[in-house]
Amino acid sequence: MIVYNGSLEDTRELIQFFRFESPKLRALRKLIISREKTIVKDVNGDTIEFPGLTYGSATLEELLRELGVVFNPQSLHNPNATASGIKEFDLSSRWTWGHDRIL
């Protein structure tokens, strides 16, 4: 488990941290947002946690964009949209298989 302890208001710092730490994980599979924190989970269950990064944060939107998640900002920041207050987004590979092949 990798935990981010930097400033949640500094979007650039958070994104740079994510870019530095994410290669240590395998294929990213899930983003989980709760009222307390945001978690990025890989295929093996290893995680990067962002304590305090939750609904209502512009930095959260930037992290989702970095991960390629398609979302609606109005519904994203409503924790009461789900009974548990937890939202999960599936992540997949950014590049298709064989994108670098030359025919």
C-alpha atoms as a PDB file:
ATOM      1  CA  MET A   1       0.000   0.000   0.000  1.00  0.00           C
ATOM      2  CA  ILE A   2       1.287   3.417  -1.030  1.00  0.00           C
ATOM      3  CA  VAL A   3      -0.148   6.411   0.842  1.00  0.00           C
ATOM      4  CA  TYR A   4      -0.105  10.027  -0.348  1.00  0.00           C
ATOM      5  CA  ASN A   5       0.686  12.448   2.484  1.00  0.00           C
ATOM      6  CA  GLY A   6       1.078  15.664   0.481  1.00  0.00           C
ATOM      7  CA  SER A   7      -1.232  18.626  -0.002  1.00  0.00           C
ATOM      8  CA  LEU A   8      -4.668  17.836  -1.423  1.00  0.00           C
ATOM      9  CA  GLU A   9      -5.014  21.397  -2.741  1.00  0.00           C
ATOM     10  CA  ASP A  10      -1.865  21.149  -4.871  1.00  0.00           C
ATOM     11  CA  THR A  11      -3.154  19.298  -7.932  1.00  0.00           C
ATOM     12  CA  ARG A  12       0.210  19.291  -9.666  1.00  0.00           C
ATOM     13  CA  GLU A  13       1.965  17.686  -6.686  1.00  0.00           C
ATOM     14  CA  LEU A  14      -0.689  14.977  -6.362  1.00  0.00           C
ATOM     15  CA  ILE A  15      -0.591  14.131 -10.073  1.00  0.00           C
ATOM     16  CA  GLN A  16       3.222  14.039 -10.054  1.00  0.00           C
ATOM     17  CA  PHE A  17       3.114  11.707  -7.026  1.00  0.00           C
ATOM     18  CA  PHE A  18       0.654   9.452  -8.835  1.00  0.00           C
ATOM     19  CA  ARG A  19       2.758   9.376 -11.998  1.00  0.00           C
ATOM     20  CA  PHE A  20       5.869   8.503  -9.969  1.00  0.00           C
ATOM     21  CA  GLU A  21       4.228   5.780  -7.852  1.00  0.00           C
ATOM     22  CA  SER A  22       1.797   4.141 -10.292  1.00  0.00           C
ATOM     23  CA  PRO A  23       4.505   2.259 -12.270  1.00  0.00           C
ATOM     24  CA  LYS A  24       5.167   0.301  -9.064  1.00  0.00           C
ATOM     25  CA  LEU A  25       1.706  -1.245  -9.450  1.00  0.00           C
ATOM     26  CA  ARG A  26       0.491  -3.707 -12.075  1.00  0.00           C
ATOM     27  CA  ALA A  27      -2.450  -2.986 -14.395  1.00  0.00           C
ATOM     28  CA  LEU A  28      -4.792  -0.531 -12.693  1.00  0.00           C
ATOM     29  CA  ARG A  29      -8.293  -1.943 -12.333  1.00  0.00           C
ATOM     30  CA  LYS A  30     -10.452   0.138  -9.986  1.00  0.00           C
ATOM     31  CA  LEU A  31     -10.850   3.617  -8.490  1.00  0.00           C
ATOM     32  CA  ILE A  32     -12.864   3.731  -5.262  1.00  0.00           C
ATOM     33  CA  ILE A  33     -14.124   7.011  -3.782  1.00  0.00           C
ATOM     34  CA  SER A  34     -15.552   7.121  -0.263  1.00  0.00           C
ATOM     35  CA  ARG A  35     -16.350   9.931   2.142  1.00  0.00           C
ATOM     36  CA  GLU A  36     -12.912   9.480   3.772  1.00  0.00           C
ATOM     37  CA  LYS A  37     -10.467   8.732   0.944  1.00  0.00           C
ATOM     38  CA  THR A  38      -9.824   7.722  -2.647  1.00  0.00           C
ATOM     39  CA  ILE A  39      -8.126   4.441  -3.546  1.00  0.00           C
ATOM     40  CA  VAL A  40      -6.592   3.271  -6.828  1.00  0.00           C
ATOM     41  CA  LYS A  41      -6.340  -0.530  -6.937  1.00  0.00           C
ATOM     42  CA  ASP A  42      -4.384  -2.732  -9.318  1.00  0.00           C
ATOM     43  CA  VAL A  43      -5.045  -6.251 -10.581  1.00  0.00           C
ATOM     44  CA  ASN A  44      -3.169  -7.783  -7.607  1.00  0.00           C
ATOM     45  CA  GLY A  45      -5.069  -5.767  -5.005  1.00  0.00           C
ATOM     46  CA  ASP A  46      -2.157  -3.394  -4.289  1.00  0.00           C
ATOM     47  CA  THR A  47      -3.287   0.186  -3.757  1.00  0.00           C
ATOM     48  CA  ILE A  48      -2.398   3.857  -3.778  1.00  0.00           C
ATOM     49  CA  GLU A  49      -4.451   5.703  -1.147  1.00  0.00           C
ATOM     50  CA  PHE A  50      -5.247   9.396  -1.000  1.00  0.00           C
ATOM     51  CA  PRO A  51      -6.627  10.094   2.511  1.00  0.00           C
ATOM     52  CA  GLY A  52      -8.922  13.120   2.566  1.00  0.00           C
ATOM     53  CA  LEU A  53      -9.303  13.253  -1.220  1.00  0.00           C
ATOM     54  CA  THR A  54     -13.049  12.921  -1.563  1.00  0.00           C
ATOM     55  CA  TYR A  55     -16.225  14.462  -2.941  1.00  0.00           C
ATOM     56  CA  GLY A  56     -16.193  18.185  -3.689  1.00  0.00           C
ATOM     57  CA  SER A  57     -12.487  18.348  -4.520  1.00  0.00           C
ATOM     58  CA  ALA A  58     -11.258  19.762  -7.839  1.00  0.00           C
ATOM     59  CA  THR A  59      -8.118  17.673  -7.364  1.00  0.00           C
ATOM     60  CA  LEU A  60     -10.280  14.535  -7.429  1.00  0.00           C
ATOM     61  CA  GLU A  61     -11.539  15.539 -10.867  1.00  0.00           C
ATOM     62  CA  GLU A  62      -7.960  15.950 -12.117  1.00  0.00           C
ATOM     63  CA  LEU A  63      -7.019  12.502 -10.795  1.00  0.00           C
ATOM     64  CA  LEU A  64      -9.986  10.977 -12.619  1.00  0.00           C
ATOM     65  CA  ARG A  65      -8.961  12.732 -15.825  1.00  0.00           C
ATOM     66  CA  GLU A  66      -5.392  11.448 -15.363  1.00  0.00           C
ATOM     67  CA  LEU A  67      -6.799   7.914 -15.147  1.00  0.00           C
ATOM     68  CA  GLY A  68      -9.022   8.391 -18.195  1.00  0.00           C
ATOM     69  CA  VAL A  69     -12.285   8.044 -16.269  1.00  0.00           C
ATOM     70  CA  VAL A  70     -15.386   9.457 -17.939  1.00  0.00           C
ATOM     71  CA  PHE A  71     -17.600  11.133 -15.341  1.00  0.00           C
ATOM     72  CA  ASN A  72     -20.289  13.744 -14.807  1.00  0.00           C
ATOM     73  CA  PRO A  73     -18.992  16.388 -12.326  1.00  0.00           C
ATOM     74  CA  GLN A  74     -22.459  17.044 -10.878  1.00  0.00           C
ATOM     75  CA  SER A  75     -23.164  13.419 -10.005  1.00  0.00           C
ATOM     76  CA  LEU A  76     -19.537  12.721  -9.041  1.00  0.00           C
ATOM     77  CA  HIS A  77     -19.633  15.143  -6.118  1.00  0.00           C
ATOM     78  CA  ASN A  78     -22.912  13.826  -4.693  1.00  0.00           C
ATOM     79  CA  PRO A  79     -22.013  11.167  -2.102  1.00  0.00           C
ATOM     80  CA  ASN A  80     -25.693  10.467  -1.475  1.00  0.00           C
ATOM     81  CA  ALA A  81     -26.123   9.130  -5.023  1.00  0.00           C
ATOM     82  CA  THR A  82     -25.288   5.688  -3.609  1.00  0.00           C
ATOM     83  CA  ALA A  83     -26.644   4.226  -0.395  1.00  0.00           C
ATOM     84  CA  SER A  84     -23.170   3.502   0.991  1.00  0.00           C
ATOM     85  CA  GLY A  85     -21.589   6.770  -0.169  1.00  0.00           C
ATOM     86  CA  ILE A  86     -18.968   4.779  -2.093  1.00  0.00           C
ATOM     87  CA  LYS A  87     -18.479   5.098  -5.837  1.00  0.00           C
ATOM     88  CA  GLU A  88     -16.392   2.695  -7.897  1.00  0.00           C
ATOM     89  CA  PHE A  89     -15.023   3.222 -11.382  1.00  0.00           C
ATOM     90  CA  ASP A  90     -13.512   0.406 -13.422  1.00  0.00           C
ATOM     91  CA  LEU A  91     -10.200   1.225 -15.045  1.00  0.00           C
ATOM     92  CA  SER A  92      -8.820  -0.466 -18.105  1.00  0.00           C
ATOM     93  CA  SER A  93      -5.739  -0.233 -20.228  1.00  0.00           C
ATOM     94  CA  ARG A  94      -5.245   3.047 -22.009  1.00  0.00           C
ATOM     95  CA  TRP A  95      -3.792   1.429 -25.103  1.00  0.00           C
ATOM     96  CA  THR A  96      -5.246  -1.401 -27.100  1.00  0.00           C
ATOM     97  CA  TRP A  97      -3.287  -4.591 -27.513  1.00  0.00           C
ATOM     98  CA  GLY A  98      -0.861  -4.352 -30.385  1.00  0.00           C
ATOM     99  CA  HIS A  99      -1.080  -0.579 -30.717  1.00  0.00           C
ATOM    100  CA  ASP A 100       2.666  -0.419 -31.317  1.00  0.00           C
ATOM    101  CA  ARG A 101       2.794  -3.120 -33.979  1.00  0.00           C
ATOM    102  CA  ILE A 102       3.891  -2.159 -37.441  1.00  0.00           C
ATOM    103  CA  LEU A 103       2.296  -4.108 -40.249  1.00  0.00           C
END
